[in-house]
């Protein structure tokens, strides 16, 4: 997961991920859902395998399989730096 955060940080450039010091907060499931629902810029990104995503995912989540590195890298190039990404 650390690799994923590094890759996302690189893709988002100077955008701080989560907090002013660049730390990525780890949220409980309940806080995650509450925070994402309250965030008008929220983008829920599901980074699991397609089969796992098909078995169930959060409403509105978009799939971007981080184990498919070429597709993942291409996908994060299109991130909007004005949005907040919840993984």
C-alpha atoms as a PDB file:
ATOM      1  CA  UNK A   1       0.000   0.000   0.000  1.00  0.00           C
ATOM      2  CA  UNK A   2       2.934   2.321   0.626  1.00  0.00           C
ATOM      3  CA  UNK A   3       3.902   1.951  -3.042  1.00  0.00           C
ATOM      4  CA  UNK A   4       0.377   2.929  -4.017  1.00  0.00           C
ATOM      5  CA  UNK A   5       0.485   6.070  -1.877  1.00  0.00           C
ATOM      6  CA  UNK A   6       3.863   7.028  -3.369  1.00  0.00           C
ATOM      7  CA  UNK A   7       2.519   6.502  -6.873  1.00  0.00           C
ATOM      8  CA  UNK A   8      -0.598   8.548  -6.130  1.00  0.00           C
ATOM      9  CA  UNK A   9       1.451  11.338  -4.547  1.00  0.00           C
ATOM     10  CA  UNK A  10       3.650  11.464  -7.624  1.00  0.00           C
ATOM     11  CA  UNK A  11       0.636  11.568  -9.924  1.00  0.00           C
ATOM     12  CA  UNK A  12      -0.974  14.395  -8.000  1.00  0.00           C
ATOM     13  CA  UNK A  13       2.206  16.428  -7.960  1.00  0.00           C
ATOM     14  CA  UNK A  14       2.171  19.228  -5.432  1.00  0.00           C
ATOM     15  CA  UNK A  15      -1.274  18.327  -4.092  1.00  0.00           C
ATOM     16  CA  UNK A  16      -1.181  17.404  -0.426  1.00  0.00           C
ATOM     17  CA  UNK A  17      -2.777  14.047   0.190  1.00  0.00           C
ATOM     18  CA  UNK A  18      -5.126  14.328   3.112  1.00  0.00           C
ATOM     19  CA  UNK A  19      -3.550  16.950   5.350  1.00  0.00           C
ATOM     20  CA  UNK A  20      -1.256  19.972   5.219  1.00  0.00           C
ATOM     21  CA  UNK A  21       1.762  17.880   6.235  1.00  0.00           C
ATOM     22  CA  UNK A  22       1.111  15.392   3.394  1.00  0.00           C
ATOM     23  CA  UNK A  23       0.157  12.538   5.718  1.00  0.00           C
ATOM     24  CA  UNK A  24      -2.478  10.167   4.440  1.00  0.00           C
ATOM     25  CA  UNK A  25      -5.147   9.612   7.095  1.00  0.00           C
ATOM     26  CA  UNK A  26      -6.330   6.066   7.720  1.00  0.00           C
ATOM     27  CA  UNK A  27     -10.047   6.084   8.522  1.00  0.00           C
ATOM     28  CA  UNK A  28     -12.347   3.505  10.043  1.00  0.00           C
ATOM     29  CA  UNK A  29     -15.021   2.303   7.587  1.00  0.00           C
ATOM     30  CA  UNK A  30     -17.697   4.367   9.322  1.00  0.00           C
ATOM     31  CA  UNK A  31     -15.623   7.565   9.321  1.00  0.00           C
ATOM     32  CA  UNK A  32     -14.547   6.914   5.714  1.00  0.00           C
ATOM     33  CA  UNK A  33     -18.153   6.756   4.497  1.00  0.00           C
ATOM     34  CA  UNK A  34     -19.253   9.732   6.607  1.00  0.00           C
ATOM     35  CA  UNK A  35     -16.305  11.857   5.468  1.00  0.00           C
ATOM     36  CA  UNK A  36     -16.687  10.973   1.787  1.00  0.00           C
ATOM     37  CA  UNK A  37     -20.433  11.706   1.836  1.00  0.00           C
ATOM     38  CA  UNK A  38     -19.811  15.121   3.400  1.00  0.00           C
ATOM     39  CA  UNK A  39     -17.070  16.006   0.892  1.00  0.00           C
ATOM     40  CA  UNK A  40     -18.408  17.690  -2.255  1.00  0.00           C
ATOM     41  CA  UNK A  41     -15.127  16.924  -4.062  1.00  0.00           C
ATOM     42  CA  UNK A  42     -15.088  13.233  -3.077  1.00  0.00           C
ATOM     43  CA  UNK A  43     -14.055  10.611  -5.604  1.00  0.00           C
ATOM     44  CA  UNK A  44     -14.164   7.057  -4.280  1.00  0.00           C
ATOM     45  CA  UNK A  45     -11.478   4.974  -5.938  1.00  0.00           C
ATOM     46  CA  UNK A  46     -11.583   1.194  -5.568  1.00  0.00           C
ATOM     47  CA  UNK A  47      -8.122  -0.208  -6.282  1.00  0.00           C
ATOM     48  CA  UNK A  48      -8.968  -3.896  -5.941  1.00  0.00           C
ATOM     49  CA  UNK A  49      -9.086  -6.543  -8.672  1.00  0.00           C
ATOM     50  CA  UNK A  50     -12.095  -6.490 -11.047  1.00  0.00           C
ATOM     51  CA  UNK A  51     -13.492  -9.728  -9.576  1.00  0.00           C
ATOM     52  CA  UNK A  52     -13.417  -8.268  -6.060  1.00  0.00           C
ATOM     53  CA  UNK A  53     -15.083  -5.081  -7.299  1.00  0.00           C
ATOM     54  CA  UNK A  54     -17.806  -7.154  -9.010  1.00  0.00           C
ATOM     55  CA  UNK A  55     -18.539  -8.939  -5.721  1.00  0.00           C
ATOM     56  CA  UNK A  56     -19.412  -5.630  -4.095  1.00  0.00           C
ATOM     57  CA  UNK A  57     -18.239  -2.045  -3.797  1.00  0.00           C
ATOM     58  CA  UNK A  58     -19.305   1.285  -2.363  1.00  0.00           C
ATOM     59  CA  UNK A  59     -21.970   3.146  -4.281  1.00  0.00           C
ATOM     60  CA  UNK A  60     -20.373   5.468  -6.819  1.00  0.00           C
ATOM     61  CA  UNK A  61     -16.903   3.902  -6.517  1.00  0.00           C
ATOM     62  CA  UNK A  62     -14.782   3.775  -9.642  1.00  0.00           C
ATOM     63  CA  UNK A  63     -12.498   0.822 -10.293  1.00  0.00           C
ATOM     64  CA  UNK A  64      -8.808   1.335 -11.013  1.00  0.00           C
ATOM     65  CA  UNK A  65      -6.961  -1.946 -10.387  1.00  0.00           C
ATOM     66  CA  UNK A  66      -3.598  -0.973  -8.916  1.00  0.00           C
ATOM     67  CA  UNK A  67      -2.131  -4.392  -9.778  1.00  0.00           C
ATOM     68  CA  UNK A  68      -2.621  -3.612 -13.485  1.00  0.00           C
ATOM     69  CA  UNK A  69       0.252  -1.135 -13.453  1.00  0.00           C
ATOM     70  CA  UNK A  70       0.002   0.197 -17.042  1.00  0.00           C
ATOM     71  CA  UNK A  71      -3.739   0.858 -16.692  1.00  0.00           C
ATOM     72  CA  UNK A  72      -3.328   2.228 -13.176  1.00  0.00           C
ATOM     73  CA  UNK A  73      -0.581   4.654 -14.169  1.00  0.00           C
ATOM     74  CA  UNK A  74      -2.583   5.792 -17.192  1.00  0.00           C
ATOM     75  CA  UNK A  75      -5.695   6.214 -15.036  1.00  0.00           C
ATOM     76  CA  UNK A  76      -4.059   8.366 -12.377  1.00  0.00           C
ATOM     77  CA  UNK A  77      -2.681  10.688 -15.037  1.00  0.00           C
ATOM     78  CA  UNK A  78      -6.253  11.883 -15.485  1.00  0.00           C
ATOM     79  CA  UNK A  79      -6.945  12.682 -11.820  1.00  0.00           C
ATOM     80  CA  UNK A  80      -8.399  16.105 -11.165  1.00  0.00           C
ATOM     81  CA  UNK A  81      -6.207  17.784  -8.541  1.00  0.00           C
ATOM     82  CA  UNK A  82      -9.234  19.698  -7.262  1.00  0.00           C
ATOM     83  CA  UNK A  83     -10.910  16.480  -6.090  1.00  0.00           C
ATOM     84  CA  UNK A  84     -10.356  14.477  -2.912  1.00  0.00           C
ATOM     85  CA  UNK A  85      -9.623  10.815  -3.596  1.00  0.00           C
ATOM     86  CA  UNK A  86     -10.798   8.197  -1.131  1.00  0.00           C
ATOM     87  CA  UNK A  87      -9.237   4.758  -1.585  1.00  0.00           C
END
